[in-house]
Amino acid sequence: MESLHQVQTLIFGLHRHHRTNVNRNRVSISVKIFNSGIHAIPRKCECFDLYDQLVPYKKAWSWQKSIVDEKKALIDKNQDCPDTVILLQHSPVYTMGTGSSEDYLNFEIKDAPFDVYRTERGGEVTYHGPGQLVMYPIINLRNHEMDLHWYLRTLEEIVIRVLSSAFSIKASRLDGLTGVWVGNQKVAAIGIRVSKWITYHGLALNVTTDLTPFNSIVPCGIRDRQVGSIKGLLENGDHREVDGLRLIDIAHESLLKEFSEAFQLQIEKQTVPDPNILKAESL
């Protein structure tokens, strides 16, 4: 009932949004694991929480790879390799997987409306932009399950739980397609890379995203289905305007909670080490 009340409150505009001070990301905070049924001491996961900032894709991509290299070095030395998660939003950008086809671009790449990056993740082309929460888990699967199918299904399950518990939206998987769907609309895309059992890249959840840039591509190479967002689903269901900033806050809080429970990790928010990352554009 708590989540239903949250959604009703959003729709009827009873909450006023108060932006938190972005400096909260500079403080190390320990967030208790959210699954009270687990009695063993959970592993810790450092969290770089930039969810209310726009971080250029290339900057975040480079940051992820540097963290992966650090973790690989620890493994090579037989030292403990803790987990990390990054949350942020991106400035508008298109990204392609390692084997993505340019046939899924509805524009000439030299005249692209936004920057285009070909990355080492799996999957086809997608769009990232404001209003889309991006989660990059950089975790050591040796501490969990050394099974990529399990990992992908777990990321999907996290989003499905977020949509259900925070917004009363029933989402599901579709056989043979990675991601999370509400009816015919894909609301979350997932693309990963794993190196020496260290994961990077991750998931992107459309919360208040402007979906127009998706029209310039064939999202994830799927021609016969649509892209959706939490805001669009809620407004279509009630025909009222929803407070987008509040939606982002609720989705962010729920993502961290469900990630913590799914991987049985204690979240510890950390200071961002690179001052260049802190030059990300505030929303």
C-alpha atoms as a PDB file:
ATOM      1  CA  MET A   1       0.000   0.000   0.000  1.00  0.00           C
ATOM      2  CA  GLU A   2       2.948   2.314   0.598  1.00  0.00           C
ATOM      3  CA  SER A   3       3.957   2.299  -3.068  1.00  0.00           C
ATOM      4  CA  LEU A   4       0.376   2.822  -4.235  1.00  0.00           C
ATOM      5  CA  HIS A   5       0.116   5.856  -1.954  1.00  0.00           C
ATOM      6  CA  GLN A   6       3.351   7.192  -3.451  1.00  0.00           C
ATOM      7  CA  VAL A   7       1.977   6.929  -6.985  1.00  0.00           C
ATOM      8  CA  GLN A   8      -1.360   8.499  -6.036  1.00  0.00           C
ATOM      9  CA  THR A   9       0.498  11.330  -4.341  1.00  0.00           C
ATOM     10  CA  LEU A  10       2.583  11.911  -7.471  1.00  0.00           C
ATOM     11  CA  ILE A  11      -0.428  11.991  -9.747  1.00  0.00           C
ATOM     12  CA  PHE A  12      -2.494  14.343  -7.638  1.00  0.00           C
ATOM     13  CA  GLY A  13       0.438  16.678  -6.983  1.00  0.00           C
ATOM     14  CA  LEU A  14       0.286  16.547  -3.192  1.00  0.00           C
ATOM     15  CA  HIS A  15       4.067  16.422  -2.813  1.00  0.00           C
ATOM     16  CA  ARG A  16       6.265  19.360  -3.608  1.00  0.00           C
ATOM     17  CA  HIS A  17       9.694  18.306  -4.743  1.00  0.00           C
ATOM     18  CA  HIS A  18      12.640  19.595  -2.713  1.00  0.00           C
ATOM     19  CA  ARG A  19      15.913  19.078  -4.517  1.00  0.00           C
ATOM     20  CA  THR A  20      18.578  17.655  -2.259  1.00  0.00           C
ATOM     21  CA  ASN A  21      21.951  19.329  -2.050  1.00  0.00           C
ATOM     22  CA  VAL A  22      24.200  17.742  -4.673  1.00  0.00           C
ATOM     23  CA  ASN A  23      27.006  17.789  -2.118  1.00  0.00           C
ATOM     24  CA  ARG A  24      25.358  14.788  -0.452  1.00  0.00           C
ATOM     25  CA  ASN A  25      27.280  12.745  -3.066  1.00  0.00           C
ATOM     26  CA  ARG A  26      30.564  13.832  -1.565  1.00  0.00           C
ATOM     27  CA  VAL A  27      29.975  12.175   1.802  1.00  0.00           C
ATOM     28  CA  SER A  28      30.628   8.544   2.667  1.00  0.00           C
ATOM     29  CA  ILE A  29      27.397   7.044   3.959  1.00  0.00           C
ATOM     30  CA  SER A  30      26.680   3.458   4.953  1.00  0.00           C
ATOM     31  CA  VAL A  31      23.220   2.277   3.948  1.00  0.00           C
ATOM     32  CA  LYS A  32      21.950  -0.759   5.836  1.00  0.00           C
ATOM     33  CA  ILE A  33      21.108  -3.790   3.729  1.00  0.00           C
ATOM     34  CA  PHE A  34      17.391  -3.953   3.105  1.00  0.00           C
ATOM     35  CA  ASN A  35      16.759  -7.675   3.534  1.00  0.00           C
ATOM     36  CA  SER A  36      16.095  -8.356   7.200  1.00  0.00           C
ATOM     37  CA  GLY A  37      15.841 -12.088   6.562  1.00  0.00           C
ATOM     38  CA  ILE A  38      19.576 -12.432   6.019  1.00  0.00           C
ATOM     39  CA  HIS A  39      21.508 -13.080   9.217  1.00  0.00           C
ATOM     40  CA  ALA A  40      25.040 -13.306   7.821  1.00  0.00           C
ATOM     41  CA  ILE A  41      27.058 -10.096   7.663  1.00  0.00           C
ATOM     42  CA  PRO A  42      26.588  -8.805   4.092  1.00  0.00           C
ATOM     43  CA  ARG A  43      29.434  -7.833   1.828  1.00  0.00           C
ATOM     44  CA  LYS A  44      29.975  -4.122   1.386  1.00  0.00           C
ATOM     45  CA  CYS A  45      29.457  -2.345  -1.922  1.00  0.00           C
ATOM     46  CA  GLU A  46      30.860   1.119  -2.565  1.00  0.00           C
ATOM     47  CA  CYS A  47      28.316   3.372  -4.231  1.00  0.00           C
ATOM     48  CA  PHE A  48      29.021   6.472  -6.281  1.00  0.00           C
ATOM     49  CA  ASP A  49      25.638   8.149  -6.342  1.00  0.00           C
ATOM     50  CA  LEU A  50      25.348  10.835  -9.035  1.00  0.00           C
ATOM     51  CA  TYR A  51      21.745  10.047  -9.873  1.00  0.00           C
ATOM     52  CA  ASP A  52      20.666  13.686 -10.131  1.00  0.00           C
ATOM     53  CA  GLN A  53      23.531  14.752 -12.385  1.00  0.00           C
ATOM     54  CA  LEU A  54      24.222  14.476 -16.111  1.00  0.00           C
ATOM     55  CA  VAL A  55      27.550  12.740 -16.651  1.00  0.00           C
ATOM     56  CA  PRO A  56      28.958  12.643 -20.208  1.00  0.00           C
ATOM     57  CA  TYR A  57      28.973   9.075 -21.454  1.00  0.00           C
ATOM     58  CA  LYS A  58      32.658   8.981 -22.415  1.00  0.00           C
ATOM     59  CA  LYS A  59      33.647  10.155 -18.933  1.00  0.00           C
ATOM     60  CA  ALA A  60      31.567   7.479 -17.187  1.00  0.00           C
ATOM     61  CA  TRP A  61      32.767   4.792 -19.599  1.00  0.00           C
ATOM     62  CA  SER A  62      36.404   5.589 -18.887  1.00  0.00           C
ATOM     63  CA  TRP A  63      35.664   5.654 -15.143  1.00  0.00           C
ATOM     64  CA  GLN A  64      34.118   2.197 -15.263  1.00  0.00           C
ATOM     65  CA  LYS A  65      37.089   0.734 -17.103  1.00  0.00           C
ATOM     66  CA  SER A  66      39.541   2.190 -14.591  1.00  0.00           C
ATOM     67  CA  ILE A  67      37.577   0.579 -11.737  1.00  0.00           C
ATOM     68  CA  VAL A  68      37.546  -2.747 -13.589  1.00  0.00           C
ATOM     69  CA  ASP A  69      41.327  -2.555 -14.020  1.00  0.00           C
ATOM     70  CA  GLU A  70      41.748  -1.897 -10.290  1.00  0.00           C
ATOM     71  CA  LYS A  71      39.627  -4.918  -9.434  1.00  0.00           C
ATOM     72  CA  LYS A  72      41.514  -7.157 -11.858  1.00  0.00           C
ATOM     73  CA  ALA A  73      44.784  -6.111 -10.202  1.00  0.00           C
ATOM     74  CA  LEU A  74      43.390  -7.100  -6.799  1.00  0.00           C
ATOM     75  CA  ILE A  75      42.327 -10.483  -8.134  1.00  0.00           C
ATOM     76  CA  ASP A  76      45.762 -11.077  -9.705  1.00  0.00           C
ATOM     77  CA  LYS A  77      47.267 -10.436  -6.257  1.00  0.00           C
ATOM     78  CA  ASN A  78      44.738 -12.791  -4.609  1.00  0.00           C
ATOM     79  CA  GLN A  79      43.348  -9.873  -2.621  1.00  0.00           C
ATOM     80  CA  ASP A  80      39.738  -9.227  -1.740  1.00  0.00           C
ATOM     81  CA  CYS A  81      37.843  -7.558  -4.566  1.00  0.00           C
ATOM     82  CA  PRO A  82      34.847  -5.552  -3.289  1.00  0.00           C
ATOM     83  CA  ASP A  83      31.843  -4.588  -5.384  1.00  0.00           C
ATOM     84  CA  THR A  84      30.989  -1.145  -6.755  1.00  0.00           C
ATOM     85  CA  VAL A  85      27.854   0.454  -8.190  1.00  0.00           C
ATOM     86  CA  ILE A  86      27.513   3.781  -9.992  1.00  0.00           C
ATOM     87  CA  LEU A  87      24.202   5.607 -10.481  1.00  0.00           C
ATOM     88  CA  LEU A  88      23.853   8.581 -12.801  1.00  0.00           C
ATOM     89  CA  GLN A  89      22.126  10.100 -15.789  1.00  0.00           C
ATOM     90  CA  HIS A  90      23.780  10.815 -19.120  1.00  0.00           C
ATOM     91  CA  SER A  91      23.836  13.755 -21.449  1.00  0.00           C
ATOM     92  CA  PRO A  92      22.117  12.731 -24.735  1.00  0.00           C
ATOM     93  CA  VAL A  93      24.107  10.027 -26.500  1.00  0.00           C
ATOM     94  CA  TYR A  94      23.721   6.914 -28.622  1.00  0.00           C
ATOM     95  CA  THR A  95      25.743   3.825 -27.750  1.00  0.00           C
ATOM     96  CA  MET A  96      26.315   0.670 -29.747  1.00  0.00           C
ATOM     97  CA  GLY A  97      27.400  -2.775 -28.654  1.00  0.00           C
ATOM     98  CA  THR A  98      30.539  -4.479 -29.823  1.00  0.00           C
ATOM     99  CA  GLY A  99      28.767  -6.167 -32.727  1.00  0.00           C
ATOM    100  CA  SER A 100      26.041  -3.572 -33.355  1.00  0.00           C
ATOM    101  CA  SER A 101      24.920  -2.981 -36.933  1.00  0.00           C
ATOM    102  CA  GLU A 102      24.705   0.529 -38.395  1.00  0.00           C
ATOM    103  CA  ASP A 103      21.584  -0.709 -40.179  1.00  0.00           C
ATOM    104  CA  TYR A 104      19.740   0.133 -36.980  1.00  0.00           C
ATOM    105  CA  LEU A 105      20.682   3.828 -37.242  1.00  0.00           C
ATOM    106  CA  ASN A 106      18.134   6.005 -39.045  1.00  0.00           C
ATOM    107  CA  PHE A 107      20.797   8.605 -39.795  1.00  0.00           C
ATOM    108  CA  GLU A 108      24.228   8.875 -41.339  1.00  0.00           C
ATOM    109  CA  ILE A 109      26.727   8.352 -38.536  1.00  0.00           C
ATOM    110  CA  LYS A 110      28.725  11.426 -39.614  1.00  0.00           C
ATOM    111  CA  ASP A 111      25.553  13.521 -39.239  1.00  0.00           C
ATOM    112  CA  ALA A 112      24.340  11.965 -35.987  1.00  0.00           C
ATOM    113  CA  PRO A 113      22.063  14.155 -33.846  1.00  0.00           C
ATOM    114  CA  PHE A 114      24.145  13.218 -30.770  1.00  0.00           C
ATOM    115  CA  ASP A 115      27.517  11.625 -30.117  1.00  0.00           C
ATOM    116  CA  VAL A 116      27.683   7.920 -30.999  1.00  0.00           C
ATOM    117  CA  TYR A 117      29.978   5.505 -29.184  1.00  0.00           C
ATOM    118  CA  ARG A 118      30.695   1.900 -30.098  1.00  0.00           C
ATOM    119  CA  THR A 119      31.446   0.084 -26.857  1.00  0.00           C
ATOM    120  CA  GLU A 120      32.458  -3.389 -25.714  1.00  0.00           C
ATOM    121  CA  ARG A 121      29.071  -4.196 -24.143  1.00  0.00           C
ATOM    122  CA  GLY A 122      26.632  -6.640 -25.664  1.00  0.00           C
ATOM    123  CA  GLY A 123      23.484  -5.629 -27.492  1.00  0.00           C
ATOM    124  CA  GLU A 124      22.527  -3.231 -30.265  1.00  0.00           C
ATOM    125  CA  VAL A 125      22.136   0.547 -30.368  1.00  0.00           C
ATOM    126  CA  THR A 126      20.312   2.441 -27.618  1.00  0.00           C
ATOM    127  CA  TYR A 127      19.851   5.997 -26.411  1.00  0.00           C
ATOM    128  CA  HIS A 128      20.785   7.541 -23.051  1.00  0.00           C
ATOM    129  CA  GLY A 129      19.605  10.933 -21.895  1.00  0.00           C
ATOM    130  CA  PRO A 130      18.149  13.042 -19.092  1.00  0.00           C
ATOM    131  CA  GLY A 131      15.360  11.382 -17.147  1.00  0.00           C
ATOM    132  CA  GLN A 132      16.861   7.934 -17.583  1.00  0.00           C
ATOM    133  CA  LEU A 133      18.450   6.360 -14.517  1.00  0.00           C
ATOM    134  CA  VAL A 134      21.565   4.394 -15.387  1.00  0.00           C
ATOM    135  CA  MET A 135      23.013   1.827 -12.997  1.00  0.00           C
ATOM    136  CA  TYR A 136      26.511   0.457 -13.580  1.00  0.00           C
ATOM    137  CA  PRO A 137      27.214  -2.498 -11.250  1.00  0.00           C
ATOM    138  CA  ILE A 138      30.930  -3.285 -11.283  1.00  0.00           C
ATOM    139  CA  ILE A 139      30.832  -6.451  -9.266  1.00  0.00           C
ATOM    140  CA  ASN A 140      32.967  -9.516  -8.802  1.00  0.00           C
ATOM    141  CA  LEU A 141      30.762 -12.443  -9.772  1.00  0.00           C
ATOM    142  CA  ARG A 142      33.107 -14.744  -7.842  1.00  0.00           C
ATOM    143  CA  ASN A 143      31.372 -13.311  -4.763  1.00  0.00           C
ATOM    144  CA  HIS A 144      27.928 -14.159  -6.147  1.00  0.00           C
ATOM    145  CA  GLU A 145      27.212 -16.552  -9.039  1.00  0.00           C
ATOM    146  CA  MET A 146      29.675 -17.130 -11.868  1.00  0.00           C
ATOM    147  CA  ASP A 147      26.801 -17.349 -14.326  1.00  0.00           C
ATOM    148  CA  LEU A 148      26.044 -14.625 -16.875  1.00  0.00           C
ATOM    149  CA  HIS A 149      22.492 -15.843 -17.452  1.00  0.00           C
ATOM    150  CA  TRP A 150      21.843 -15.563 -13.707  1.00  0.00           C
ATOM    151  CA  TYR A 151      23.370 -12.087 -13.657  1.00  0.00           C
ATOM    152  CA  LEU A 152      21.243 -10.774 -16.532  1.00  0.00           C
ATOM    153  CA  ARG A 153      18.061 -12.234 -15.037  1.00  0.00           C
ATOM    154  CA  THR A 154      18.951 -10.648 -11.685  1.00  0.00           C
ATOM    155  CA  LEU A 155      19.300  -7.192 -13.267  1.00  0.00           C
ATOM    156  CA  GLU A 156      15.921  -7.677 -14.912  1.00  0.00           C
ATOM    157  CA  GLU A 157      14.409  -8.797 -11.611  1.00  0.00           C
ATOM    158  CA  ILE A 158      15.685  -5.647  -9.886  1.00  0.00           C
ATOM    159  CA  VAL A 159      13.811  -3.446 -12.370  1.00  0.00           C
ATOM    160  CA  ILE A 160      10.672  -5.585 -12.239  1.00  0.00           C
ATOM    161  CA  ARG A 161      10.624  -5.214  -8.451  1.00  0.00           C
ATOM    162  CA  VAL A 162      11.192  -1.453  -8.665  1.00  0.00           C
ATOM    163  CA  LEU A 163       8.250  -1.009 -11.020  1.00  0.00           C
ATOM    164  CA  SER A 164       5.998  -3.166  -8.870  1.00  0.00           C
ATOM    165  CA  SER A 165       6.930  -1.950  -5.384  1.00  0.00           C
ATOM    166  CA  ALA A 166       7.437   1.751  -6.093  1.00  0.00           C
ATOM    167  CA  PHE A 167       4.891   2.403  -8.850  1.00  0.00           C
ATOM    168  CA  SER A 168       2.412  -0.513  -8.866  1.00  0.00           C
ATOM    169  CA  ILE A 169       3.373  -1.211 -12.497  1.00  0.00           C
ATOM    170  CA  LYS A 170       3.326  -4.852 -13.565  1.00  0.00           C
ATOM    171  CA  ALA A 171       6.376  -5.550 -15.730  1.00  0.00           C
ATOM    172  CA  SER A 172       7.792  -8.751 -17.173  1.00  0.00           C
ATOM    173  CA  ARG A 173      10.438 -10.369 -19.319  1.00  0.00           C
ATOM    174  CA  LEU A 174       9.924 -11.485 -22.907  1.00  0.00           C
ATOM    175  CA  ASP A 175      11.334 -14.813 -24.046  1.00  0.00           C
ATOM    176  CA  GLY A 176      14.495 -14.379 -26.066  1.00  0.00           C
ATOM    177  CA  LEU A 177      14.776 -10.621 -25.413  1.00  0.00           C
ATOM    178  CA  THR A 178      16.930  -9.054 -22.708  1.00  0.00           C
ATOM    179  CA  GLY A 179      15.354  -6.177 -20.801  1.00  0.00           C
ATOM    180  CA  VAL A 180      12.150  -5.327 -18.963  1.00  0.00           C
ATOM    181  CA  TRP A 181       8.789  -4.771 -20.617  1.00  0.00           C
ATOM    182  CA  VAL A 182       5.365  -3.403 -19.762  1.00  0.00           C
ATOM    183  CA  GLY A 183       3.108  -4.816 -22.425  1.00  0.00           C
ATOM    184  CA  ASN A 184       4.672  -3.941 -25.762  1.00  0.00           C
ATOM    185  CA  GLN A 185       6.869  -1.189 -24.325  1.00  0.00           C
ATOM    186  CA  LYS A 186      10.471  -1.667 -23.254  1.00  0.00           C
ATOM    187  CA  VAL A 187      11.143   0.445 -20.180  1.00  0.00           C
ATOM    188  CA  ALA A 188      14.624  -0.830 -19.276  1.00  0.00           C
ATOM    189  CA  ALA A 189      17.533  -1.834 -21.495  1.00  0.00           C
ATOM    190  CA  ILE A 190      20.403  -4.014 -20.307  1.00  0.00           C
ATOM    191  CA  GLY A 191      23.820  -4.416 -21.864  1.00  0.00           C
ATOM    192  CA  ILE A 192      26.844  -5.809 -20.057  1.00  0.00           C
ATOM    193  CA  ARG A 193      30.471  -6.743 -20.408  1.00  0.00           C
ATOM    194  CA  VAL A 194      32.243  -9.219 -18.126  1.00  0.00           C
ATOM    195  CA  SER A 195      36.022  -9.507 -17.904  1.00  0.00           C
ATOM    196  CA  LYS A 196      37.636 -11.995 -15.530  1.00  0.00           C
ATOM    197  CA  TRP A 197      34.187 -12.267 -13.929  1.00  0.00           C
ATOM    198  CA  ILE A 198      34.110  -8.517 -13.242  1.00  0.00           C
ATOM    199  CA  THR A 199      30.968  -6.893 -14.636  1.00  0.00           C
ATOM    200  CA  TYR A 200      30.562  -3.438 -16.095  1.00  0.00           C
ATOM    201  CA  HIS A 201      28.089  -1.443 -18.182  1.00  0.00           C
ATOM    202  CA  GLY A 202      24.626  -2.327 -16.867  1.00  0.00           C
ATOM    203  CA  LEU A 203      21.008  -1.170 -17.052  1.00  0.00           C
ATOM    204  CA  ALA A 204      19.118   1.954 -18.096  1.00  0.00           C
ATOM    205  CA  LEU A 205      15.605   2.630 -16.780  1.00  0.00           C
ATOM    206  CA  ASN A 206      13.426   5.180 -18.565  1.00  0.00           C
ATOM    207  CA  VAL A 207      11.798   7.229 -15.818  1.00  0.00           C
ATOM    208  CA  THR A 208      10.953  10.638 -17.311  1.00  0.00           C
ATOM    209  CA  THR A 209      13.014  10.246 -20.484  1.00  0.00           C
ATOM    210  CA  ASP A 210      12.057  12.156 -23.634  1.00  0.00           C
ATOM    211  CA  LEU A 211      11.516   9.191 -25.950  1.00  0.00           C
ATOM    212  CA  THR A 212      11.767  11.199 -29.186  1.00  0.00           C
ATOM    213  CA  PRO A 213      15.488  10.403 -29.789  1.00  0.00           C
ATOM    214  CA  PHE A 214      14.600   6.703 -29.932  1.00  0.00           C
ATOM    215  CA  ASN A 215      12.820   7.458 -33.223  1.00  0.00           C
ATOM    216  CA  SER A 216      16.209   7.996 -34.866  1.00  0.00           C
ATOM    217  CA  ILE A 217      17.292   4.408 -34.170  1.00  0.00           C
ATOM    218  CA  VAL A 218      15.874   0.900 -34.011  1.00  0.00           C
ATOM    219  CA  PRO A 219      16.238   0.496 -30.237  1.00  0.00           C
ATOM    220  CA  CYS A 220      18.118  -2.682 -29.374  1.00  0.00           C
ATOM    221  CA  GLY A 221      17.550  -3.822 -32.955  1.00  0.00           C
ATOM    222  CA  ILE A 222      13.877  -4.629 -32.278  1.00  0.00           C
ATOM    223  CA  ARG A 223      11.636  -3.194 -34.989  1.00  0.00           C
ATOM    224  CA  ASP A 224       8.179  -4.374 -33.945  1.00  0.00           C
ATOM    225  CA  ARG A 225       8.040  -3.061 -30.365  1.00  0.00           C
ATOM    226  CA  GLN A 226       8.020   0.317 -28.637  1.00  0.00           C
ATOM    227  CA  VAL A 227       9.985   2.120 -25.950  1.00  0.00           C
ATOM    228  CA  GLY A 228       8.184   3.386 -22.832  1.00  0.00           C
ATOM    229  CA  SER A 229       8.859   5.273 -19.620  1.00  0.00           C
ATOM    230  CA  ILE A 230       7.506   5.199 -16.081  1.00  0.00           C
ATOM    231  CA  LYS A 231       6.152   8.734 -16.451  1.00  0.00           C
ATOM    232  CA  GLY A 232       4.347   7.862 -19.669  1.00  0.00           C
ATOM    233  CA  LEU A 233       2.832   4.711 -18.222  1.00  0.00           C
ATOM    234  CA  LEU A 234       1.526   6.524 -15.150  1.00  0.00           C
ATOM    235  CA  GLU A 235       0.124   9.454 -17.098  1.00  0.00           C
ATOM    236  CA  ASN A 236      -1.525   7.188 -19.667  1.00  0.00           C
ATOM    237  CA  GLY A 237      -3.180   5.268 -16.870  1.00  0.00           C
ATOM    238  CA  ASP A 238      -4.536   8.299 -15.040  1.00  0.00           C
ATOM    239  CA  HIS A 239      -4.443  11.077 -17.683  1.00  0.00           C
ATOM    240  CA  ARG A 240      -2.811  13.462 -15.206  1.00  0.00           C
ATOM    241  CA  GLU A 241       0.620  15.065 -15.272  1.00  0.00           C
ATOM    242  CA  VAL A 242       3.093  13.397 -12.926  1.00  0.00           C
ATOM    243  CA  ASP A 243       5.839  15.184 -10.967  1.00  0.00           C
ATOM    244  CA  GLY A 244       8.900  14.052 -12.913  1.00  0.00           C
ATOM    245  CA  LEU A 245      11.511  15.083 -10.353  1.00  0.00           C
ATOM    246  CA  ARG A 246       9.734  13.134  -7.642  1.00  0.00           C
ATOM    247  CA  LEU A 247       9.538  10.119  -9.948  1.00  0.00           C
ATOM    248  CA  ILE A 248      13.319  10.192 -10.379  1.00  0.00           C
ATOM    249  CA  ASP A 249      13.839  10.334  -6.608  1.00  0.00           C
ATOM    250  CA  ILE A 250      11.478   7.426  -5.925  1.00  0.00           C
ATOM    251  CA  ALA A 251      12.933   5.287  -8.722  1.00  0.00           C
ATOM    252  CA  HIS A 252      16.477   5.991  -7.531  1.00  0.00           C
ATOM    253  CA  GLU A 253      15.712   5.038  -3.937  1.00  0.00           C
ATOM    254  CA  SER A 254      13.949   1.858  -5.026  1.00  0.00           C
ATOM    255  CA  LEU A 255      16.757   0.864  -7.417  1.00  0.00           C
ATOM    256  CA  LEU A 256      19.319   1.013  -4.629  1.00  0.00           C
ATOM    257  CA  LYS A 257      17.054  -0.928  -2.291  1.00  0.00           C
ATOM    258  CA  GLU A 258      16.308  -3.705  -4.777  1.00  0.00           C
ATOM    259  CA  PHE A 259      19.945  -3.899  -5.919  1.00  0.00           C
ATOM    260  CA  SER A 260      21.031  -4.299  -2.294  1.00  0.00           C
ATOM    261  CA  GLU A 261      18.517  -7.060  -1.672  1.00  0.00           C
ATOM    262  CA  ALA A 262      19.110  -8.921  -4.943  1.00  0.00           C
ATOM    263  CA  PHE A 263      22.887  -9.125  -4.465  1.00  0.00           C
ATOM    264  CA  GLN A 264      22.810  -9.140  -0.637  1.00  0.00           C
ATOM    265  CA  LEU A 265      25.099  -6.123  -0.369  1.00  0.00           C
ATOM    266  CA  GLN A 266      25.430  -3.333   2.158  1.00  0.00           C
ATOM    267  CA  ILE A 267      25.560  -0.070   0.248  1.00  0.00           C
ATOM    268  CA  GLU A 268      28.234   2.439   1.305  1.00  0.00           C
ATOM    269  CA  LYS A 269      28.059   5.789  -0.453  1.00  0.00           C
ATOM    270  CA  GLN A 270      31.492   7.144  -1.286  1.00  0.00           C
ATOM    271  CA  THR A 271      33.140  10.395  -2.273  1.00  0.00           C
ATOM    272  CA  VAL A 272      33.724  10.578  -6.008  1.00  0.00           C
ATOM    273  CA  PRO A 273      37.525  10.401  -6.440  1.00  0.00           C
ATOM    274  CA  ASP A 274      37.972  12.201  -9.760  1.00  0.00           C
ATOM    275  CA  PRO A 275      37.269  15.962  -9.682  1.00  0.00           C
ATOM    276  CA  ASN A 276      36.507  15.852 -13.409  1.00  0.00           C
ATOM    277  CA  ILE A 277      33.534  13.600 -12.698  1.00  0.00           C
ATOM    278  CA  LEU A 278      32.266  16.230 -10.269  1.00  0.00           C
ATOM    279  CA  LYS A 279      32.095  18.697 -13.144  1.00  0.00           C
ATOM    280  CA  ALA A 280      29.092  16.790 -14.388  1.00  0.00           C
ATOM    281  CA  GLU A 281      26.135  19.007 -15.163  1.00  0.00           C
ATOM    282  CA  SER A 282      23.617  19.280 -12.325  1.00  0.00           C
ATOM    283  CA  LEU A 283      19.959  18.811 -13.141  1.00  0.00           C
END
